[in-house]
């Protein structure tokens, strides 16, 4: 997948400015595709040049003018082609896992601290995803929303982000506990 497809997918529901797109990425898309704001602005310019998004300027009285972007017919076609291509399996590439792999030969306290920090970060993301899911449902039960919701794709990706962060949190907590127990057992005579 390229950033272009993530940007096109993020623009499917409404016109967004570059700033709004960056906020949208932070709130939802970032759970499966990370991008810095400057990368998003550069990608929007490329997509507009290629005719995959259309931009229009909005004149504002009290603030600088802004550009809003929406997906064009060609952009929809690009997404359709993308969804028709085979998907490669995903893989984990995480420096914390390398540290845990080496923990028997390094200072375990440093690794425990980083596991604890990652668990706290995951917990914050879990709360964010819970809130997003509630807002998307709009007072409906999950079953009702999934049966009758207009756009369930963002909901399903948010569910995946939630499950991912729950798994991260649980693994980090368990790994930190195991390492603490190991440290205690080694310290006993």
Protein backbone atom coordinates (compact mmCIF):
# COMPACT_ATOMS: atom_id res chain seq x y z
CA UNK A 1 0.00 0.00 0.00
CA UNK A 2 1.16 3.48 -0.71
CA UNK A 3 0.35 6.63 1.23
CA UNK A 4 -1.73 7.73 -1.75
CA UNK A 5 -4.32 5.02 -1.09
CA UNK A 6 -4.59 5.88 2.60
CA UNK A 7 -5.12 9.56 1.70
CA UNK A 8 -7.74 8.71 -0.91
CA UNK A 9 -9.56 6.47 1.58
CA UNK A 10 -9.49 9.23 4.21
CA UNK A 11 -11.08 11.69 1.75
CA UNK A 12 -13.99 9.44 0.75
CA UNK A 13 -16.53 10.83 3.19
CA UNK A 14 -16.01 14.57 2.87
CA UNK A 15 -13.87 17.38 1.60
CA UNK A 16 -10.98 18.05 3.93
CA UNK A 17 -8.22 20.61 4.17
CA UNK A 18 -4.65 19.41 4.64
CA UNK A 19 -4.94 20.29 8.32
CA UNK A 20 -8.20 18.37 8.69
CA UNK A 21 -6.67 15.42 6.84
CA UNK A 22 -3.75 15.37 9.28
CA UNK A 23 -6.21 15.40 12.21
CA UNK A 24 -8.21 12.63 10.55
CA UNK A 25 -5.07 10.57 10.17
CA UNK A 26 -4.20 11.07 13.85
CA UNK A 27 -7.67 10.06 14.96
CA UNK A 28 -8.33 7.03 12.79
CA UNK A 29 -6.11 6.22 9.85
CA UNK A 30 -2.94 6.27 11.97
CA UNK A 31 -3.94 2.94 13.51
CA UNK A 32 -3.00 1.31 10.20
CA UNK A 33 -0.95 3.90 8.31
CA UNK A 34 1.34 6.50 9.88
CA UNK A 35 2.22 9.71 8.07
CA UNK A 36 3.65 13.05 9.13
CA UNK A 37 1.66 16.20 8.22
CA UNK A 38 4.32 17.32 5.72
CA UNK A 39 4.05 13.92 3.98
CA UNK A 40 0.28 14.36 3.73
CA UNK A 41 0.59 17.84 2.22
CA UNK A 42 3.12 16.57 -0.34
CA UNK A 43 0.89 13.60 -1.18
CA UNK A 44 -2.16 15.86 -1.63
CA UNK A 45 -0.17 17.97 -4.11
CA UNK A 46 0.84 14.84 -6.06
CA UNK A 47 -2.68 13.45 -6.05
CA UNK A 48 -4.09 16.76 -7.28
CA UNK A 49 -1.47 16.96 -10.05
CA UNK A 50 -2.42 13.41 -11.12
CA UNK A 51 -6.14 14.27 -11.08
CA UNK A 52 -6.97 11.81 -8.29
CA UNK A 53 -8.18 14.57 -5.97
CA UNK A 54 -9.62 17.97 -6.75
CA UNK A 55 -8.75 20.97 -4.62
CA UNK A 56 -10.64 24.20 -4.27
CA UNK A 57 -9.79 27.35 -2.39
CA UNK A 58 -12.11 28.60 0.32
CA UNK A 59 -11.83 32.30 1.14
CA UNK A 60 -12.05 33.01 4.86
CA UNK A 61 -12.52 36.45 6.39
CA UNK A 62 -10.79 36.09 9.72
CA UNK A 63 -8.22 33.41 8.83
CA UNK A 64 -5.99 32.63 5.88
CA UNK A 65 -7.68 30.98 2.92
CA UNK A 66 -7.66 27.21 2.88
CA UNK A 67 -7.81 24.49 0.25
CA UNK A 68 -10.32 21.66 0.51
CA UNK A 69 -9.74 18.37 -1.29
CA UNK A 70 -12.09 15.64 -2.46
CA UNK A 71 -11.62 12.39 -4.34
CA UNK A 72 -12.31 12.56 -8.08
CA UNK A 73 -13.75 9.84 -10.30
CA UNK A 74 -10.17 8.93 -11.25
CA UNK A 75 -9.35 8.70 -7.53
CA UNK A 76 -12.25 6.32 -7.00
CA UNK A 77 -10.98 4.25 -9.94
CA UNK A 78 -7.49 4.20 -8.37
CA UNK A 79 -8.96 2.93 -5.09
CA UNK A 80 -10.99 0.31 -6.95
CA UNK A 81 -7.84 -0.95 -8.68
CA UNK A 82 -5.99 -0.95 -5.37
CA UNK A 83 -8.70 -3.00 -3.64
CA UNK A 84 -8.62 -5.52 -6.50
CA UNK A 85 -4.89 -6.23 -6.09
CA UNK A 86 -3.62 -9.01 -3.83
CA UNK A 87 -2.73 -7.95 -0.31
CA UNK A 88 0.63 -8.93 1.11
CA UNK A 89 0.71 -10.32 4.65
CA UNK A 90 1.65 -7.76 7.27
CA UNK A 91 4.63 -8.16 9.57
CA UNK A 92 5.86 -6.69 12.81
CA UNK A 93 8.90 -4.44 12.80
CA UNK A 94 9.29 -3.11 16.33
CA UNK A 95 12.45 -2.11 18.15
CA UNK A 96 10.89 -2.98 21.52
CA UNK A 97 10.63 -6.61 20.41
CA UNK A 98 14.35 -6.61 19.60
CA UNK A 99 15.04 -5.33 23.12
CA UNK A 100 12.87 -8.05 24.66
CA UNK A 101 14.63 -10.65 22.50
CA UNK A 102 17.96 -9.48 23.98
CA UNK A 103 16.71 -8.99 27.56
CA UNK A 104 18.62 -11.96 28.97
CA UNK A 105 21.88 -10.20 28.13
CA UNK A 106 21.09 -6.54 28.92
CA UNK A 107 19.70 -4.47 31.78
CA UNK A 108 16.16 -5.83 32.22
CA UNK A 109 15.09 -2.75 34.20
CA UNK A 110 15.39 -0.59 31.07
CA UNK A 111 13.30 -3.04 29.07
CA UNK A 112 10.70 -3.30 31.86
CA UNK A 113 10.43 0.49 31.95
CA UNK A 114 9.90 0.64 28.18
CA UNK A 115 7.32 -2.15 28.29
CA UNK A 116 5.47 -0.28 31.03
CA UNK A 117 5.60 2.95 29.01
CA UNK A 118 4.30 1.18 25.89
CA UNK A 119 1.42 -0.33 27.90
CA UNK A 120 0.43 3.16 29.11
CA UNK A 121 0.56 4.46 25.52
CA UNK A 122 -1.57 1.53 24.34
CA UNK A 123 -4.11 2.21 27.09
CA UNK A 124 -4.44 5.83 25.90
CA UNK A 125 -4.98 4.63 22.33
CA UNK A 126 -7.60 2.13 23.56
CA UNK A 127 -9.51 5.00 25.16
CA UNK A 128 -9.24 7.00 21.93
CA UNK A 129 -10.56 4.10 19.84
CA UNK A 130 -13.39 3.44 22.32
CA UNK A 131 -14.46 7.08 21.99
CA UNK A 132 -14.24 7.03 18.20
CA UNK A 133 -16.30 3.85 18.01
CA UNK A 134 -18.99 5.32 20.28
CA UNK A 135 -19.17 8.48 18.14
CA UNK A 136 -19.43 6.46 14.93
CA UNK A 137 -22.27 4.36 16.36
CA UNK A 138 -24.16 7.49 17.42
CA UNK A 139 -26.04 5.84 20.27
CA UNK A 140 -26.73 2.60 18.39
CA UNK A 141 -25.51 -0.79 19.53
CA UNK A 142 -22.57 -2.21 17.62
CA UNK A 143 -24.75 -4.90 16.04
CA UNK A 144 -27.30 -2.34 14.88
CA UNK A 145 -24.60 -0.05 13.50
CA UNK A 146 -22.89 -2.87 11.62
CA UNK A 147 -26.21 -3.95 10.12
CA UNK A 148 -27.51 -0.51 9.17
CA UNK A 149 -24.58 1.92 9.22
CA UNK A 150 -23.85 3.86 6.05
CA UNK A 151 -20.05 3.57 6.26
CA UNK A 152 -18.75 0.63 8.24
CA UNK A 153 -15.21 0.55 6.75
CA UNK A 154 -13.84 3.19 9.14
CA UNK A 155 -15.58 1.43 12.01
CA UNK A 156 -14.01 -1.91 11.13
CA UNK A 157 -10.52 -0.40 10.83
CA UNK A 158 -11.04 1.30 14.19
CA UNK A 159 -12.02 -2.08 15.68
CA UNK A 160 -8.75 -3.49 14.32
CA UNK A 161 -6.82 -0.63 15.88
CA UNK A 162 -8.56 -1.27 19.18
CA UNK A 163 -7.73 -4.99 19.09
CA UNK A 164 -4.12 -4.21 18.12
CA UNK A 165 -3.65 -1.83 21.04
CA UNK A 166 -5.39 -4.19 23.48
CA UNK A 167 -2.98 -6.92 22.37
CA UNK A 168 -0.02 -4.54 22.77
CA UNK A 169 -1.13 -3.51 26.24
CA UNK A 170 -1.72 -7.06 27.41
CA UNK A 171 1.57 -8.36 25.98
CA UNK A 172 3.57 -5.48 27.45
CA UNK A 173 2.02 -5.93 30.89
CA UNK A 174 2.59 -9.69 30.85
CA UNK A 175 6.16 -9.38 29.56
CA UNK A 176 7.03 -6.76 32.19
CA UNK A 177 5.56 -8.98 34.93
CA UNK A 178 7.53 -12.01 33.69
CA UNK A 179 10.75 -9.99 33.61
CA UNK A 180 10.13 -8.64 37.13
CA UNK A 181 9.56 -12.19 38.40
CA UNK A 182 12.70 -13.38 36.63
CA UNK A 183 14.73 -10.55 38.19
CA UNK A 184 13.36 -11.38 41.65
CA UNK A 185 14.03 -15.11 41.24
CA UNK A 186 17.62 -14.46 40.16
CA UNK A 187 18.19 -12.15 43.12
CA UNK A 188 17.12 -14.82 45.66
CA UNK A 189 19.90 -17.03 47.06
